[in-house]
Amino acid sequence: MMRVWAAAILLGLAAAGPVAGQITVLKPLDPIPPRRLVYHPPELLYCPQPEYPDSLKRRGIGGHVLLEVVVDTLGRVAPDRIVVRESSHNGLSRAAITMAVQCRFKPARLGKTAVQKMVTIPADFSIRRSGP
């Protein structure tokens, strides 16, 4: 019985002709080059001066604060996405965070789409001495 099936299959393939003749290869008409998306970083539009805490200013405590913030797709800094990377005093850190939340940016763009982007914001607090 197996031999009958094998013979029928072989005869059927032989009657169909060469298999390779039935395959058609299609060539693409015009290859479309991949579109590259251009990245535009966020641009600072507005950022107020940090408000120097009076208690620290009276004591002559100054310093530098470095913040890492995430600018969202609307160009705003989310308060829960702020990280203090460097700070010389906790009071200065709080003042810098208050300032950063008020900053406004033109959001980063990938092509025409606004995207979130991490930005570093420095804040310097120094005592300005008047007179000699």
C-alpha atoms as a PDB file:
ATOM      1  CA  MET A   1       0.000   0.000   0.000  1.00  0.00           C
ATOM      2  CA  MET A   2       2.870   2.375   0.797  1.00  0.00           C
ATOM      3  CA  ARG A   3       4.396   1.796  -2.567  1.00  0.00           C
ATOM      4  CA  VAL A   4       1.169   2.788  -4.281  1.00  0.00           C
ATOM      5  CA  TRP A   5       1.044   6.099  -2.391  1.00  0.00           C
ATOM      6  CA  ALA A   6       4.706   6.840  -3.108  1.00  0.00           C
ATOM      7  CA  ALA A   7       4.206   6.131  -6.785  1.00  0.00           C
ATOM      8  CA  ALA A   8       1.093   8.333  -6.900  1.00  0.00           C
ATOM      9  CA  ILE A   9       2.935  11.204  -5.233  1.00  0.00           C
ATOM     10  CA  LEU A  10       5.894  10.911  -7.590  1.00  0.00           C
ATOM     11  CA  LEU A  11       3.593  10.772 -10.632  1.00  0.00           C
ATOM     12  CA  GLY A  12       1.661  13.783  -9.380  1.00  0.00           C
ATOM     13  CA  LEU A  13       4.844  15.834  -8.963  1.00  0.00           C
ATOM     14  CA  ALA A  14       6.083  14.785 -12.367  1.00  0.00           C
ATOM     15  CA  ALA A  15       2.786  15.825 -13.964  1.00  0.00           C
ATOM     16  CA  ALA A  16       2.931  19.228 -12.274  1.00  0.00           C
ATOM     17  CA  GLY A  17       6.249  20.043 -13.940  1.00  0.00           C
ATOM     18  CA  PRO A  18       9.273  21.683 -12.395  1.00  0.00           C
ATOM     19  CA  VAL A  19       8.506  23.371  -9.092  1.00  0.00           C
ATOM     20  CA  ALA A  20      11.041  26.184  -9.541  1.00  0.00           C
ATOM     21  CA  GLY A  21       9.161  27.404 -12.611  1.00  0.00           C
ATOM     22  CA  GLN A  22       6.164  28.310 -10.458  1.00  0.00           C
ATOM     23  CA  ILE A  23       8.026  30.689  -8.122  1.00  0.00           C
ATOM     24  CA  THR A  24       7.888  34.331  -9.123  1.00  0.00           C
ATOM     25  CA  VAL A  25      10.379  36.756  -7.604  1.00  0.00           C
ATOM     26  CA  LEU A  26       9.063  40.291  -7.220  1.00  0.00           C
ATOM     27  CA  LYS A  27      11.491  43.177  -7.305  1.00  0.00           C
ATOM     28  CA  PRO A  28      10.575  46.290  -5.273  1.00  0.00           C
ATOM     29  CA  LEU A  29       9.610  49.193  -7.512  1.00  0.00           C
ATOM     30  CA  ASP A  30      11.464  52.051  -5.785  1.00  0.00           C
ATOM     31  CA  PRO A  31      13.336  51.406  -2.573  1.00  0.00           C
ATOM     32  CA  ILE A  32      12.316  54.035  -0.008  1.00  0.00           C
ATOM     33  CA  PRO A  33      15.268  55.316   2.006  1.00  0.00           C
ATOM     34  CA  PRO A  34      14.749  55.193   5.786  1.00  0.00           C
ATOM     35  CA  ARG A  35      13.583  58.512   7.200  1.00  0.00           C
ATOM     36  CA  ARG A  36      15.890  59.880   9.864  1.00  0.00           C
ATOM     37  CA  LEU A  37      14.274  61.683  12.756  1.00  0.00           C
ATOM     38  CA  VAL A  38      16.069  64.844  13.780  1.00  0.00           C
ATOM     39  CA  TYR A  39      16.511  65.411  17.532  1.00  0.00           C
ATOM     40  CA  HIS A  40      16.090  68.919  18.965  1.00  0.00           C
ATOM     41  CA  PRO A  41      17.121  69.352  22.627  1.00  0.00           C
ATOM     42  CA  PRO A  42      14.960  71.339  25.048  1.00  0.00           C
ATOM     43  CA  GLU A  43      15.487  75.106  25.079  1.00  0.00           C
ATOM     44  CA  LEU A  44      15.217  77.207  28.221  1.00  0.00           C
ATOM     45  CA  LEU A  45      12.557  79.904  27.769  1.00  0.00           C
ATOM     46  CA  TYR A  46      12.309  81.239  31.322  1.00  0.00           C
ATOM     47  CA  CYS A  47      13.838  80.497  34.697  1.00  0.00           C
ATOM     48  CA  PRO A  48      13.679  82.883  37.665  1.00  0.00           C
ATOM     49  CA  GLN A  49      16.615  83.664  39.937  1.00  0.00           C
ATOM     50  CA  PRO A  50      16.673  81.349  42.956  1.00  0.00           C
ATOM     51  CA  GLU A  51      15.376  82.996  46.104  1.00  0.00           C
ATOM     52  CA  TYR A  52      18.231  83.078  48.594  1.00  0.00           C
ATOM     53  CA  PRO A  53      16.955  81.974  52.043  1.00  0.00           C
ATOM     54  CA  ASP A  54      17.267  84.941  54.440  1.00  0.00           C
ATOM     55  CA  SER A  55      18.475  82.789  57.333  1.00  0.00           C
ATOM     56  CA  LEU A  56      21.391  81.493  55.247  1.00  0.00           C
ATOM     57  CA  LYS A  57      22.158  84.889  53.756  1.00  0.00           C
ATOM     58  CA  ARG A  58      22.412  86.486  57.234  1.00  0.00           C
ATOM     59  CA  ARG A  59      24.848  83.785  58.339  1.00  0.00           C
ATOM     60  CA  GLY A  60      26.913  84.149  55.160  1.00  0.00           C
ATOM     61  CA  ILE A  61      26.230  80.619  53.980  1.00  0.00           C
ATOM     62  CA  GLY A  62      26.471  80.318  50.216  1.00  0.00           C
ATOM     63  CA  GLY A  63      27.111  77.520  47.807  1.00  0.00           C
ATOM     64  CA  HIS A  64      26.231  75.695  44.663  1.00  0.00           C
ATOM     65  CA  VAL A  65      23.351  73.342  43.872  1.00  0.00           C
ATOM     66  CA  LEU A  66      23.157  71.074  40.838  1.00  0.00           C
ATOM     67  CA  LEU A  67      19.756  69.633  39.921  1.00  0.00           C
ATOM     68  CA  GLU A  68      18.779  66.972  37.411  1.00  0.00           C
ATOM     69  CA  VAL A  69      15.217  67.482  36.230  1.00  0.00           C
ATOM     70  CA  VAL A  70      12.964  65.903  33.632  1.00  0.00           C
ATOM     71  CA  VAL A  71      11.385  68.352  31.204  1.00  0.00           C
ATOM     72  CA  ASP A  72       8.040  66.929  30.088  1.00  0.00           C
ATOM     73  CA  THR A  73       6.399  67.179  26.658  1.00  0.00           C
ATOM     74  CA  LEU A  74       4.808  70.511  27.607  1.00  0.00           C
ATOM     75  CA  GLY A  75       8.145  72.068  28.609  1.00  0.00           C
ATOM     76  CA  ARG A  76       7.518  71.984  32.347  1.00  0.00           C
ATOM     77  CA  VAL A  77       9.563  70.502  35.177  1.00  0.00           C
ATOM     78  CA  ALA A  78       7.655  67.913  37.176  1.00  0.00           C
ATOM     79  CA  PRO A  79       8.266  68.377  40.934  1.00  0.00           C
ATOM     80  CA  ASP A  80       8.453  64.615  41.463  1.00  0.00           C
ATOM     81  CA  ARG A  81      11.150  64.255  38.771  1.00  0.00           C
ATOM     82  CA  ILE A  82      13.814  66.473  40.395  1.00  0.00           C
ATOM     83  CA  VAL A  83      17.028  65.005  41.805  1.00  0.00           C
ATOM     84  CA  VAL A  84      19.619  67.014  43.755  1.00  0.00           C
ATOM     85  CA  ARG A  85      23.034  65.871  42.467  1.00  0.00           C
ATOM     86  CA  GLU A  86      25.194  68.358  44.389  1.00  0.00           C
ATOM     87  CA  SER A  87      24.411  70.715  47.226  1.00  0.00           C
ATOM     88  CA  SER A  88      26.307  72.529  49.941  1.00  0.00           C
ATOM     89  CA  HIS A  89      23.239  73.005  52.193  1.00  0.00           C
ATOM     90  CA  ASN A  90      19.689  71.577  52.433  1.00  0.00           C
ATOM     91  CA  GLY A  91      18.168  75.070  52.596  1.00  0.00           C
ATOM     92  CA  LEU A  92      19.833  75.968  49.311  1.00  0.00           C
ATOM     93  CA  SER A  93      18.552  72.719  47.769  1.00  0.00           C
ATOM     94  CA  ARG A  94      14.968  73.589  48.671  1.00  0.00           C
ATOM     95  CA  ALA A  95      15.341  77.077  47.164  1.00  0.00           C
ATOM     96  CA  ALA A  96      16.806  75.615  43.957  1.00  0.00           C
ATOM     97  CA  ILE A  97      13.958  73.086  43.669  1.00  0.00           C
ATOM     98  CA  THR A  98      11.390  75.877  44.081  1.00  0.00           C
ATOM     99  CA  MET A  99      13.144  77.787  41.295  1.00  0.00           C
ATOM    100  CA  ALA A 100      13.327  74.746  38.975  1.00  0.00           C
ATOM    101  CA  VAL A 101       9.582  74.058  39.174  1.00  0.00           C
ATOM    102  CA  GLN A 102       8.971  77.589  37.831  1.00  0.00           C
ATOM    103  CA  CYS A 103      11.316  77.158  34.842  1.00  0.00           C
ATOM    104  CA  ARG A 104       9.761  76.807  31.387  1.00  0.00           C
ATOM    105  CA  PHE A 105      11.314  75.125  28.370  1.00  0.00           C
ATOM    106  CA  LYS A 106      10.583  74.545  24.738  1.00  0.00           C
ATOM    107  CA  PRO A 107      10.285  70.735  24.932  1.00  0.00           C
ATOM    108  CA  ALA A 108      12.732  68.379  23.255  1.00  0.00           C
ATOM    109  CA  ARG A 109      11.555  66.992  19.939  1.00  0.00           C
ATOM    110  CA  LEU A 110      12.271  63.852  18.000  1.00  0.00           C
ATOM    111  CA  GLY A 111      11.125  64.711  14.520  1.00  0.00           C
ATOM    112  CA  LYS A 112       7.837  66.536  15.128  1.00  0.00           C
ATOM    113  CA  THR A 113       7.006  64.684  18.343  1.00  0.00           C
ATOM    114  CA  ALA A 114       7.666  66.277  21.749  1.00  0.00           C
ATOM    115  CA  VAL A 115       9.575  63.959  24.097  1.00  0.00           C
ATOM    116  CA  GLN A 116      10.679  64.050  27.744  1.00  0.00           C
ATOM    117  CA  LYS A 117      14.321  64.839  28.382  1.00  0.00           C
ATOM    118  CA  MET A 118      16.584  65.059  31.423  1.00  0.00           C
ATOM    119  CA  VAL A 119      18.244  68.464  31.925  1.00  0.00           C
ATOM    120  CA  THR A 120      20.839  69.709  34.412  1.00  0.00           C
ATOM    121  CA  ILE A 121      20.088  73.025  36.139  1.00  0.00           C
ATOM    122  CA  PRO A 122      22.789  74.744  38.224  1.00  0.00           C
ATOM    123  CA  ALA A 123      21.963  77.297  40.944  1.00  0.00           C
ATOM    124  CA  ASP A 124      24.596  79.471  42.584  1.00  0.00           C
ATOM    125  CA  PHE A 125      24.075  81.229  45.898  1.00  0.00           C
ATOM    126  CA  SER A 126      26.782  83.752  46.717  1.00  0.00           C
ATOM    127  CA  ILE A 127      26.949  86.674  49.124  1.00  0.00           C
ATOM    128  CA  ARG A 128      27.648  89.938  47.373  1.00  0.00           C
ATOM    129  CA  ARG A 129      29.677  92.214  49.599  1.00  0.00           C
ATOM    130  CA  SER A 130      29.176  95.929  49.087  1.00  0.00           C
ATOM    131  CA  GLY A 131      31.899  98.467  49.699  1.00  0.00           C
ATOM    132  CA  PRO A 132      35.630  98.017  50.380  1.00  0.00           C
END
